């Protein structure tokens, strides 16, 4: 789902069952990047009008880690770039220390 782009077709405004757990979350970084070596990616994301949360397990075959961010502020809830950016920064740091 990350690499094939099918996640882009999920419209979060279409009601129950249509929450897009990739767009605006950690997985978007991997889906939009040139990184093709992600072996495992599993996450649980949440989003309300005043919060955004996610816990994810990332494994690229060399480095594996758990990333968790919980926010309770409307500024984070409406910022669709911050979680993918956090994911990028943490992944890059993990690559440097392997």
PDB file of N, CA and C in Angstrom:
ATOM      1  N   UNK A   1       0.820  -1.197   0.000  1.00  0.00           N
ATOM      2  CA  UNK A   1       0.000   0.000   0.000  1.00  0.00           C
ATOM      3  C   UNK A   1       0.865   1.262   0.000  1.00  0.00           C
ATOM      4  N   UNK A   2       2.007   1.222   0.693  1.00  0.00           N
ATOM      5  CA  UNK A   2       2.852   2.418   0.717  1.00  0.00           C
ATOM      6  C   UNK A   2       3.393   2.752  -0.664  1.00  0.00           C
ATOM      7  N   UNK A   3       3.965   1.769  -1.333  1.00  0.00           N
ATOM      8  CA  UNK A   3       4.657   2.036  -2.594  1.00  0.00           C
ATOM      9  C   UNK A   3       3.739   2.078  -3.810  1.00  0.00           C
ATOM     10  N   UNK A   4       2.582   1.421  -3.754  1.00  0.00           N
ATOM     11  CA  UNK A   4       1.740   1.373  -4.951  1.00  0.00           C
ATOM     12  C   UNK A   4       0.859   2.605  -5.139  1.00  0.00           C
ATOM     13  N   UNK A   5       0.828   3.486  -4.156  1.00  0.00           N
ATOM     14  CA  UNK A   5       0.087   4.734  -4.289  1.00  0.00           C
ATOM     15  C   UNK A   5      -1.410   4.622  -4.041  1.00  0.00           C
ATOM     16  N   UNK A   6      -1.901   3.429  -3.735  1.00  0.00           N
ATOM     17  CA  UNK A   6      -3.347   3.277  -3.523  1.00  0.00           C
ATOM     18  C   UNK A   6      -3.841   4.063  -2.318  1.00  0.00           C
ATOM     19  N   UNK A   7      -2.953   4.394  -1.398  1.00  0.00           N
ATOM     20  CA  UNK A   7      -3.334   5.168  -0.213  1.00  0.00           C
ATOM     21  C   UNK A   7      -3.820   6.563  -0.589  1.00  0.00           C
ATOM     22  N   UNK A   8      -3.396   7.074  -1.728  1.00  0.00           N
ATOM     23  CA  UNK A   8      -3.794   8.417  -2.150  1.00  0.00           C
ATOM     24  C   UNK A   8      -5.278   8.492  -2.509  1.00  0.00           C
ATOM     25  N   UNK A   9      -5.892   7.354  -2.786  1.00  0.00           N
ATOM     26  CA  UNK A   9      -7.294   7.320  -3.185  1.00  0.00           C
ATOM     27  C   UNK A   9      -8.249   7.322  -1.992  1.00  0.00           C
ATOM     28  N   UNK A  10      -7.739   7.181  -0.784  1.00  0.00           N
ATOM     29  CA  UNK A  10      -8.587   7.175   0.406  1.00  0.00           C
ATOM     30  C   UNK A  10      -8.945   8.609   0.754  1.00  0.00           C
ATOM     31  N   UNK A  11     -10.216   8.934   0.718  1.00  0.00           N
ATOM     32  CA  UNK A  11     -10.693  10.281   1.020  1.00  0.00           C
ATOM     33  C   UNK A  11     -11.177  10.330   2.467  1.00  0.00           C
ATOM     34  N   UNK A  12     -10.451  11.023   3.364  1.00  0.00           N
ATOM     35  CA  UNK A  12     -10.840  11.045   4.770  1.00  0.00           C
ATOM     36  C   UNK A  12     -12.149  11.795   5.024  1.00  0.00           C
ATOM     37  N   UNK A  13     -12.664  12.481   4.039  1.00  0.00           N
ATOM     38  CA  UNK A  13     -13.905  13.238   4.199  1.00  0.00           C
ATOM     39  C   UNK A  13     -15.148  12.437   3.800  1.00  0.00           C
ATOM     40  N   UNK A  14     -14.976  11.183   3.459  1.00  0.00           N
ATOM     41  CA  UNK A  14     -16.099  10.369   3.013  1.00  0.00           C
ATOM     42  C   UNK A  14     -16.777   9.612   4.158  1.00  0.00           C
ATOM     43  N   UNK A  15     -16.479   9.946   5.388  1.00  0.00           N
ATOM     44  CA  UNK A  15     -17.177   9.325   6.515  1.00  0.00           C
ATOM     45  C   UNK A  15     -16.441   8.136   7.096  1.00  0.00           C
ATOM     46  N   UNK A  16     -17.134   7.415   7.945  1.00  0.00           N
ATOM     47  CA  UNK A  16     -16.546   6.294   8.676  1.00  0.00           C
ATOM     48  C   UNK A  16     -15.971   5.252   7.719  1.00  0.00           C
ATOM     49  N   UNK A  17     -14.816   4.736   8.093  1.00  0.00           N
ATOM     50  CA  UNK A  17     -14.160   3.724   7.280  1.00  0.00           C
ATOM     51  C   UNK A  17     -13.258   4.293   6.202  1.00  0.00           C
ATOM     52  N   UNK A  18     -13.163   5.604   6.104  1.00  0.00           N
ATOM     53  CA  UNK A  18     -12.352   6.211   5.055  1.00  0.00           C
ATOM     54  C   UNK A  18     -11.206   7.050   5.601  1.00  0.00           C
ATOM     55  N   UNK A  19     -10.850   6.849   6.847  1.00  0.00           N
ATOM     56  CA  UNK A  19      -9.713   7.544   7.436  1.00  0.00           C
ATOM     57  C   UNK A  19      -8.452   7.126   6.684  1.00  0.00           C
ATOM     58  N   UNK A  20      -7.631   8.078   6.297  1.00  0.00           N
ATOM     59  CA  UNK A  20      -6.406   7.784   5.565  1.00  0.00           C
ATOM     60  C   UNK A  20      -5.237   7.809   6.547  1.00  0.00           C
ATOM     61  N   UNK A  21      -4.752   6.632   6.991  1.00  0.00           N
ATOM     62  CA  UNK A  21      -3.694   6.581   7.996  1.00  0.00           C
ATOM     63  C   UNK A  21      -2.288   6.787   7.443  1.00  0.00           C
ATOM     64  N   UNK A  22      -2.164   7.134   6.179  1.00  0.00           N
ATOM     65  CA  UNK A  22      -0.850   7.384   5.580  1.00  0.00           C
ATOM     66  C   UNK A  22      -0.668   8.864   5.286  1.00  0.00           C
ATOM     67  N   UNK A  23      -1.650   9.490   4.657  1.00  0.00           N
ATOM     68  CA  UNK A  23      -1.541  10.910   4.309  1.00  0.00           C
ATOM     69  C   UNK A  23      -1.442  11.751   5.580  1.00  0.00           C
ATOM     70  N   UNK A  24      -0.349  12.485   5.690  1.00  0.00           N
ATOM     71  CA  UNK A  24      -0.148  13.345   6.858  1.00  0.00           C
ATOM     72  C   UNK A  24       0.407  12.628   8.067  1.00  0.00           C
ATOM     73  N   UNK A  25       0.812  11.373   7.878  1.00  0.00           N
ATOM     74  CA  UNK A  25       1.367  10.588   8.978  1.00  0.00           C
ATOM     75  C   UNK A  25       2.732  10.032   8.585  1.00  0.00           C
ATOM     76  N   UNK A  26       3.348   9.233   9.456  1.00  0.00           N
ATOM     77  CA  UNK A  26       4.710   8.747   9.241  1.00  0.00           C
ATOM     78  C   UNK A  26       4.882   8.035   7.900  1.00  0.00           C
ATOM     79  N   UNK A  27       3.928   7.216   7.521  1.00  0.00           N
ATOM     80  CA  UNK A  27       4.032   6.426   6.297  1.00  0.00           C
ATOM     81  C   UNK A  27       4.127   7.245   5.025  1.00  0.00           C
ATOM     82  N   UNK A  28       3.600   8.459   5.050  1.00  0.00           N
ATOM     83  CA  UNK A  28       3.657   9.286   3.841  1.00  0.00           C
ATOM     84  C   UNK A  28       5.096   9.553   3.428  1.00  0.00           C
ATOM     85  N   UNK A  29       5.988   9.722   4.392  1.00  0.00           N
ATOM     86  CA  UNK A  29       7.396   9.953   4.043  1.00  0.00           C
ATOM     87  C   UNK A  29       7.937   8.790   3.220  1.00  0.00           C
ATOM     88  N   UNK A  30       7.694   7.559   3.664  1.00  0.00           N
ATOM     89  CA  UNK A  30       8.219   6.393   2.957  1.00  0.00           C
ATOM     90  C   UNK A  30       7.509   6.185   1.614  1.00  0.00           C
ATOM     91  N   UNK A  31       6.224   6.474   1.567  1.00  0.00           N
ATOM     92  CA  UNK A  31       5.462   6.303   0.334  1.00  0.00           C
ATOM     93  C   UNK A  31       5.877   7.303  -0.737  1.00  0.00           C
ATOM     94  N   UNK A  32       6.261   8.499  -0.338  1.00  0.00           N
ATOM     95  CA  UNK A  32       6.602   9.557  -1.287  1.00  0.00           C
ATOM     96  C   UNK A  32       8.100   9.621  -1.594  1.00  0.00           C
ATOM     97  N   UNK A  33       8.912   8.905  -0.825  1.00  0.00           N
ATOM     98  CA  UNK A  33      10.365   8.976  -1.011  1.00  0.00           C
ATOM     99  C   UNK A  33      10.835   7.915  -2.003  1.00  0.00           C
ATOM    100  N   UNK A  34      12.117   7.943  -2.285  1.00  0.00           N
ATOM    101  CA  UNK A  34      12.732   6.944  -3.159  1.00  0.00           C
ATOM    102  C   UNK A  34      13.181   5.714  -2.386  1.00  0.00           C
ATOM    103  N   UNK A  35      12.888   5.667  -1.108  1.00  0.00           N
ATOM    104  CA  UNK A  35      13.295   4.542  -0.269  1.00  0.00           C
ATOM    105  C   UNK A  35      12.447   3.328  -0.637  1.00  0.00           C
ATOM    106  N   UNK A  36      13.096   2.282  -1.101  1.00  0.00           N
ATOM    107  CA  UNK A  36      12.384   1.079  -1.540  1.00  0.00           C
ATOM    108  C   UNK A  36      12.677  -0.128  -0.653  1.00  0.00           C
ATOM    109  N   UNK A  37      13.541   0.045   0.355  1.00  0.00           N
ATOM    110  CA  UNK A  37      13.973  -1.098   1.141  1.00  0.00           C
ATOM    111  C   UNK A  37      13.206  -1.287   2.453  1.00  0.00           C
ATOM    112  N   UNK A  38      12.059  -0.661   2.614  1.00  0.00           N
ATOM    113  CA  UNK A  38      11.285  -0.852   3.831  1.00  0.00           C
ATOM    114  C   UNK A  38      10.664  -2.245   3.786  1.00  0.00           C
ATOM    115  N   UNK A  39      11.087  -3.098   4.713  1.00  0.00           N
ATOM    116  CA  UNK A  39      10.601  -4.482   4.768  1.00  0.00           C
ATOM    117  C   UNK A  39       9.281  -4.567   5.523  1.00  0.00           C
ATOM    118  N   UNK A  40       9.192  -3.804   6.616  1.00  0.00           N
ATOM    119  CA  UNK A  40       7.985  -3.822   7.434  1.00  0.00           C
ATOM    120  C   UNK A  40       7.650  -2.400   7.880  1.00  0.00           C
ATOM    121  N   UNK A  41       6.407  -2.062   7.750  1.00  0.00           N
ATOM    122  CA  UNK A  41       5.908  -0.794   8.263  1.00  0.00           C
ATOM    123  C   UNK A  41       4.509  -1.061   8.800  1.00  0.00           C
ATOM    124  N   UNK A  42       4.334  -0.809  10.085  1.00  0.00           N
ATOM    125  CA  UNK A  42       3.022  -0.985  10.709  1.00  0.00           C
ATOM    126  C   UNK A  42       2.785   0.205  11.622  1.00  0.00           C
ATOM    127  N   UNK A  43       1.596   0.782  11.547  1.00  0.00           N
ATOM    128  CA  UNK A  43       1.330   1.940  12.397  1.00  0.00           C
ATOM    129  C   UNK A  43      -0.121   1.986  12.834  1.00  0.00           C
ATOM    130  N   UNK A  44      -0.328   2.718  13.880  1.00  0.00           N
ATOM    131  CA  UNK A  44      -1.669   3.035  14.369  1.00  0.00           C
ATOM    132  C   UNK A  44      -1.710   4.540  14.497  1.00  0.00           C
ATOM    133  N   UNK A  45      -2.596   5.163  13.736  1.00  0.00           N
ATOM    134  CA  UNK A  45      -2.673   6.621  13.704  1.00  0.00           C
ATOM    135  C   UNK A  45      -4.038   7.078  14.191  1.00  0.00           C
ATOM    136  N   UNK A  46      -4.053   8.271  14.755  1.00  0.00           N
ATOM    137  CA  UNK A  46      -5.307   8.866  15.186  1.00  0.00           C
ATOM    138  C   UNK A  46      -5.309  10.346  14.882  1.00  0.00           C
ATOM    139  N   UNK A  47      -6.490  10.878  14.634  1.00  0.00           N
ATOM    140  CA  UNK A  47      -6.587  12.289  14.267  1.00  0.00           C
ATOM    141  C   UNK A  47      -7.960  12.806  14.658  1.00  0.00           C
ATOM    142  N   UNK A  48      -7.979  13.921  15.361  1.00  0.00           N
ATOM    143  CA  UNK A  48      -9.219  14.631  15.676  1.00  0.00           C
ATOM    144  C   UNK A  48      -8.983  16.095  15.362  1.00  0.00           C
ATOM    145  N   UNK A  49      -9.958  16.924  15.623  1.00  0.00           N
ATOM    146  CA  UNK A  49      -9.799  18.348  15.324  1.00  0.00           C
ATOM    147  C   UNK A  49      -8.750  19.018  16.202  1.00  0.00           C
ATOM    148  N   UNK A  50      -8.408  18.389  17.328  1.00  0.00           N
ATOM    149  CA  UNK A  50      -7.400  18.998  18.207  1.00  0.00           C
ATOM    150  C   UNK A  50      -6.293  18.035  18.623  1.00  0.00           C
ATOM    151  N   UNK A  51      -6.088  16.968  17.875  1.00  0.00           N
ATOM    152  CA  UNK A  51      -4.984  16.067  18.196  1.00  0.00           C
ATOM    153  C   UNK A  51      -4.552  15.269  16.970  1.00  0.00           C
ATOM    154  N   UNK A  52      -3.337  14.788  17.022  1.00  0.00           N
ATOM    155  CA  UNK A  52      -2.790  13.899  15.999  1.00  0.00           C
ATOM    156  C   UNK A  52      -1.814  12.983  16.722  1.00  0.00           C
ATOM    157  N   UNK A  53      -1.973  11.681  16.551  1.00  0.00           N
ATOM    158  CA  UNK A  53      -1.113  10.715  17.236  1.00  0.00           C
ATOM    159  C   UNK A  53      -0.744   9.592  16.283  1.00  0.00           C
ATOM    160  N   UNK A  54       0.407   8.987  16.540  1.00  0.00           N
ATOM    161  CA  UNK A  54       0.792   7.812  15.772  1.00  0.00           C
ATOM    162  C   UNK A  54       1.898   7.059  16.491  1.00  0.00           C
ATOM    163  N   UNK A  55       1.812   5.755  16.395  1.00  0.00           N
ATOM    164  CA  UNK A  55       2.865   4.849  16.832  1.00  0.00           C
ATOM    165  C   UNK A  55       3.157   3.958  15.636  1.00  0.00           C
ATOM    166  N   UNK A  56       4.435   3.808  15.283  1.00  0.00           N
ATOM    167  CA  UNK A  56       4.781   3.007  14.103  1.00  0.00           C
ATOM    168  C   UNK A  56       6.018   2.159  14.363  1.00  0.00           C
ATOM    169  N   UNK A  57       6.042   0.997  13.717  1.00  0.00           N
ATOM    170  CA  UNK A  57       7.205   0.119  13.691  1.00  0.00           C
ATOM    171  C   UNK A  57       7.761   0.180  12.282  1.00  0.00           C
ATOM    172  N   UNK A  58       9.051   0.492  12.160  1.00  0.00           N
ATOM    173  CA  UNK A  58       9.706   0.614  10.866  1.00  0.00           C
ATOM    174  C   UNK A  58      10.905  -0.327  10.836  1.00  0.00           C
ATOM    175  N   UNK A  59      11.033  -1.092   9.752  1.00  0.00           N
ATOM    176  CA  UNK A  59      12.149  -2.025   9.605  1.00  0.00           C
ATOM    177  C   UNK A  59      12.584  -2.006   8.149  1.00  0.00           C
ATOM    178  N   UNK A  60      13.844  -1.649   7.913  1.00  0.00           N
ATOM    179  CA  UNK A  60      14.352  -1.642   6.535  1.00  0.00           C
ATOM    180  C   UNK A  60      15.343  -2.781   6.277  1.00  0.00           C
ATOM    181  N   UNK A  61      15.383  -3.743   7.191  1.00  0.00           N
ATOM    182  CA  UNK A  61      16.294  -4.865   7.039  1.00  0.00           C
ATOM    183  C   UNK A  61      17.642  -4.639   7.692  1.00  0.00           C
ATOM    184  N   UNK A  62      17.976  -3.397   7.978  1.00  0.00           N
ATOM    185  CA  UNK A  62      19.238  -3.051   8.643  1.00  0.00           C
ATOM    186  C   UNK A  62      18.970  -2.397   9.996  1.00  0.00           C
ATOM    187  N   UNK A  63      17.955  -1.572  10.019  1.00  0.00           N
ATOM    188  CA  UNK A  63      17.597  -0.820  11.219  1.00  0.00           C
ATOM    189  C   UNK A  63      16.104  -1.021  11.466  1.00  0.00           C
ATOM    190  N   UNK A  64      15.742  -1.277  12.724  1.00  0.00           N
ATOM    191  CA  UNK A  64      14.324  -1.303  13.054  1.00  0.00           C
ATOM    192  C   UNK A  64      14.105  -0.512  14.332  1.00  0.00           C
ATOM    193  N   UNK A  65      12.976   0.174  14.393  1.00  0.00           N
ATOM    194  CA  UNK A  65      12.695   1.031  15.534  1.00  0.00           C
ATOM    195  C   UNK A  65      11.202   1.303  15.638  1.00  0.00           C
ATOM    196  N   UNK A  66      10.818   1.797  16.787  1.00  0.00           N
ATOM    197  CA  UNK A  66       9.444   2.220  17.030  1.00  0.00           C
ATOM    198  C   UNK A  66       9.466   3.727  17.214  1.00  0.00           C
ATOM    199  N   UNK A  67       8.560   4.399  16.538  1.00  0.00           N
ATOM    200  CA  UNK A  67       8.442   5.849  16.614  1.00  0.00           C
ATOM    201  C   UNK A  67       7.040   6.180  17.110  1.00  0.00           C
ATOM    202  N   UNK A  68       6.945   6.979  18.147  1.00  0.00           N
ATOM    203  CA  UNK A  68       5.643   7.358  18.704  1.00  0.00           C
ATOM    204  C   UNK A  68       5.610   8.859  18.954  1.00  0.00           C
ATOM    205  N   UNK A  69       4.535   9.496  18.502  1.00  0.00           N
ATOM    206  CA  UNK A  69       4.322  10.918  18.748  1.00  0.00           C
ATOM    207  C   UNK A  69       2.848  11.110  19.087  1.00  0.00           C
ATOM    208  N   UNK A  70       2.608  11.791  20.202  1.00  0.00           N
ATOM    209  CA  UNK A  70       1.254  12.120  20.637  1.00  0.00           C
ATOM    210  C   UNK A  70       1.178  13.632  20.793  1.00  0.00           C
ATOM    211  N   UNK A  71       0.262  14.269  20.103  1.00  0.00           N
ATOM    212  CA  UNK A  71       0.103  15.718  20.217  1.00  0.00           C
ATOM    213  C   UNK A  71      -1.317  16.042  20.651  1.00  0.00           C
ATOM    214  N   UNK A  72      -1.477  17.133  21.332  1.00  0.00           N
ATOM    215  CA  UNK A  72      -2.797  17.567  21.784  1.00  0.00           C
ATOM    216  C   UNK A  72      -2.907  19.060  21.558  1.00  0.00           C
ATOM    217  N   UNK A  73      -2.981  19.443  20.299  1.00  0.00           N
ATOM    218  CA  UNK A  73      -3.060  20.848  19.931  1.00  0.00           C
ATOM    219  C   UNK A  73      -3.606  20.933  18.514  1.00  0.00           C
ATOM    220  N   UNK A  74      -4.533  21.819  18.298  1.00  0.00           N
ATOM    221  CA  UNK A  74      -5.144  21.960  16.974  1.00  0.00           C
ATOM    222  C   UNK A  74      -4.112  22.311  15.898  1.00  0.00           C
ATOM    223  N   UNK A  75      -3.048  22.996  16.276  1.00  0.00           N
ATOM    224  CA  UNK A  75      -2.014  23.344  15.296  1.00  0.00           C
ATOM    225  C   UNK A  75      -1.374  22.082  14.709  1.00  0.00           C
ATOM    226  N   UNK A  76      -1.146  21.066  15.543  1.00  0.00           N
ATOM    227  CA  UNK A  76      -0.615  19.793  15.043  1.00  0.00           C
ATOM    228  C   UNK A  76      -1.675  19.021  14.272  1.00  0.00           C
ATOM    229  N   UNK A  77      -2.896  19.066  14.761  1.00  0.00           N
ATOM    230  CA  UNK A  77      -3.982  18.327  14.117  1.00  0.00           C
ATOM    231  C   UNK A  77      -4.188  18.779  12.677  1.00  0.00           C
ATOM    232  N   UNK A  78      -3.997  20.038  12.411  1.00  0.00           N
ATOM    233  CA  UNK A  78      -4.231  20.578  11.072  1.00  0.00           C
ATOM    234  C   UNK A  78      -2.960  20.669  10.224  1.00  0.00           C
ATOM    235  N   UNK A  79      -1.818  20.304  10.785  1.00  0.00           N
ATOM    236  CA  UNK A  79      -0.550  20.361  10.053  1.00  0.00           C
ATOM    237  C   UNK A  79      -0.288  19.003   9.400  1.00  0.00           C
ATOM    238  N   UNK A  80      -0.505  18.921   8.105  1.00  0.00           N
ATOM    239  CA  UNK A  80      -0.384  17.655   7.386  1.00  0.00           C
ATOM    240  C   UNK A  80       1.057  17.334   6.977  1.00  0.00           C
ATOM    241  N   UNK A  81       1.993  18.225   7.270  1.00  0.00           N
ATOM    242  CA  UNK A  81       3.388  17.976   6.906  1.00  0.00           C
ATOM    243  C   UNK A  81       4.261  17.559   8.076  1.00  0.00           C
ATOM    244  N   UNK A  82       3.853  17.835   9.310  1.00  0.00           N
ATOM    245  CA  UNK A  82       4.767  17.644  10.431  1.00  0.00           C
ATOM    246  C   UNK A  82       5.082  16.172  10.717  1.00  0.00           C
ATOM    247  N   UNK A  83       4.113  15.281  10.665  1.00  0.00           N
ATOM    248  CA  UNK A  83       4.408  13.879  10.955  1.00  0.00           C
ATOM    249  C   UNK A  83       5.279  13.233   9.871  1.00  0.00           C
ATOM    250  N   UNK A  84       5.016  13.459   8.577  1.00  0.00           N
ATOM    251  CA  UNK A  84       5.948  12.936   7.578  1.00  0.00           C
ATOM    252  C   UNK A  84       7.365  13.496   7.764  1.00  0.00           C
ATOM    253  N   UNK A  85       7.474  14.755   8.160  1.00  0.00           N
ATOM    254  CA  UNK A  85       8.796  15.365   8.383  1.00  0.00           C
ATOM    255  C   UNK A  85       9.492  14.730   9.585  1.00  0.00           C
ATOM    256  N   UNK A  86       8.741  14.497  10.669  1.00  0.00           N
ATOM    257  CA  UNK A  86       9.313  13.807  11.836  1.00  0.00           C
ATOM    258  C   UNK A  86       9.808  12.429  11.418  1.00  0.00           C
ATOM    259  N   UNK A  87       9.010  11.717  10.633  1.00  0.00           N
ATOM    260  CA  UNK A  87       9.388  10.393  10.159  1.00  0.00           C
ATOM    261  C   UNK A  87      10.687  10.445   9.356  1.00  0.00           C
ATOM    262  N   UNK A  88      10.798  11.428   8.487  1.00  0.00           N
ATOM    263  CA  UNK A  88      12.013  11.599   7.671  1.00  0.00           C
ATOM    264  C   UNK A  88      13.233  11.856   8.550  1.00  0.00           C
ATOM    265  N   UNK A  89      13.106  12.781   9.489  1.00  0.00           N
ATOM    266  CA  UNK A  89      14.243  13.130  10.346  1.00  0.00           C
ATOM    267  C   UNK A  89      14.711  11.948  11.188  1.00  0.00           C
ATOM    268  N   UNK A  90      13.773  11.214  11.763  1.00  0.00           N
ATOM    269  CA  UNK A  90      14.141  10.068  12.595  1.00  0.00           C
ATOM    270  C   UNK A  90      14.766   8.967  11.740  1.00  0.00           C
ATOM    271  N   UNK A  91      14.190   8.677  10.576  1.00  0.00           N
ATOM    272  CA  UNK A  91      14.752   7.644   9.707  1.00  0.00           C
ATOM    273  C   UNK A  91      16.176   8.004   9.285  1.00  0.00           C
ATOM    274  N   UNK A  92      16.403   9.248   8.921  1.00  0.00           N
ATOM    275  CA  UNK A  92      17.746   9.669   8.516  1.00  0.00           C
ATOM    276  C   UNK A  92      18.741   9.527   9.669  1.00  0.00           C
ATOM    277  N   UNK A  93      18.338   9.881  10.867  1.00  0.00           N
ATOM    278  CA  UNK A  93      19.223   9.732  12.035  1.00  0.00           C
ATOM    279  C   UNK A  93      19.503   8.252  12.308  1.00  0.00           C
ATOM    280  N   UNK A  94      18.499   7.409  12.182  1.00  0.00           N
ATOM    281  CA  UNK A  94      18.694   5.974  12.409  1.00  0.00           C
ATOM    282  C   UNK A  94      19.671   5.409  11.378  1.00  0.00           C
ATOM    283  N   UNK A  95      19.630   5.894  10.159  1.00  0.00           N
ATOM    284  CA  UNK A  95      20.558   5.441   9.120  1.00  0.00           C
ATOM    285  C   UNK A  95      21.991   5.853   9.444  1.00  0.00           C
ATOM    286  N   UNK A  96      22.169   6.973  10.087  1.00  0.00           N
ATOM    287  CA  UNK A  96      23.504   7.457  10.434  1.00  0.00           C
ATOM    288  C   UNK A  96      24.147   6.637  11.546  1.00  0.00           C
ATOM    289  N   UNK A  97      23.349   6.047  12.430  1.00  0.00           N
ATOM    290  CA  UNK A  97      23.930   5.342  13.587  1.00  0.00           C
ATOM    291  C   UNK A  97      24.027   3.830  13.393  1.00  0.00           C
ATOM    292  N   UNK A  98      23.588   3.300  12.249  1.00  0.00           N
ATOM    293  CA  UNK A  98      23.634   1.843  12.058  1.00  0.00           C
ATOM    294  C   UNK A  98      25.030   1.344  11.875  1.00  0.00           C
TER     295      UNK A  98
END
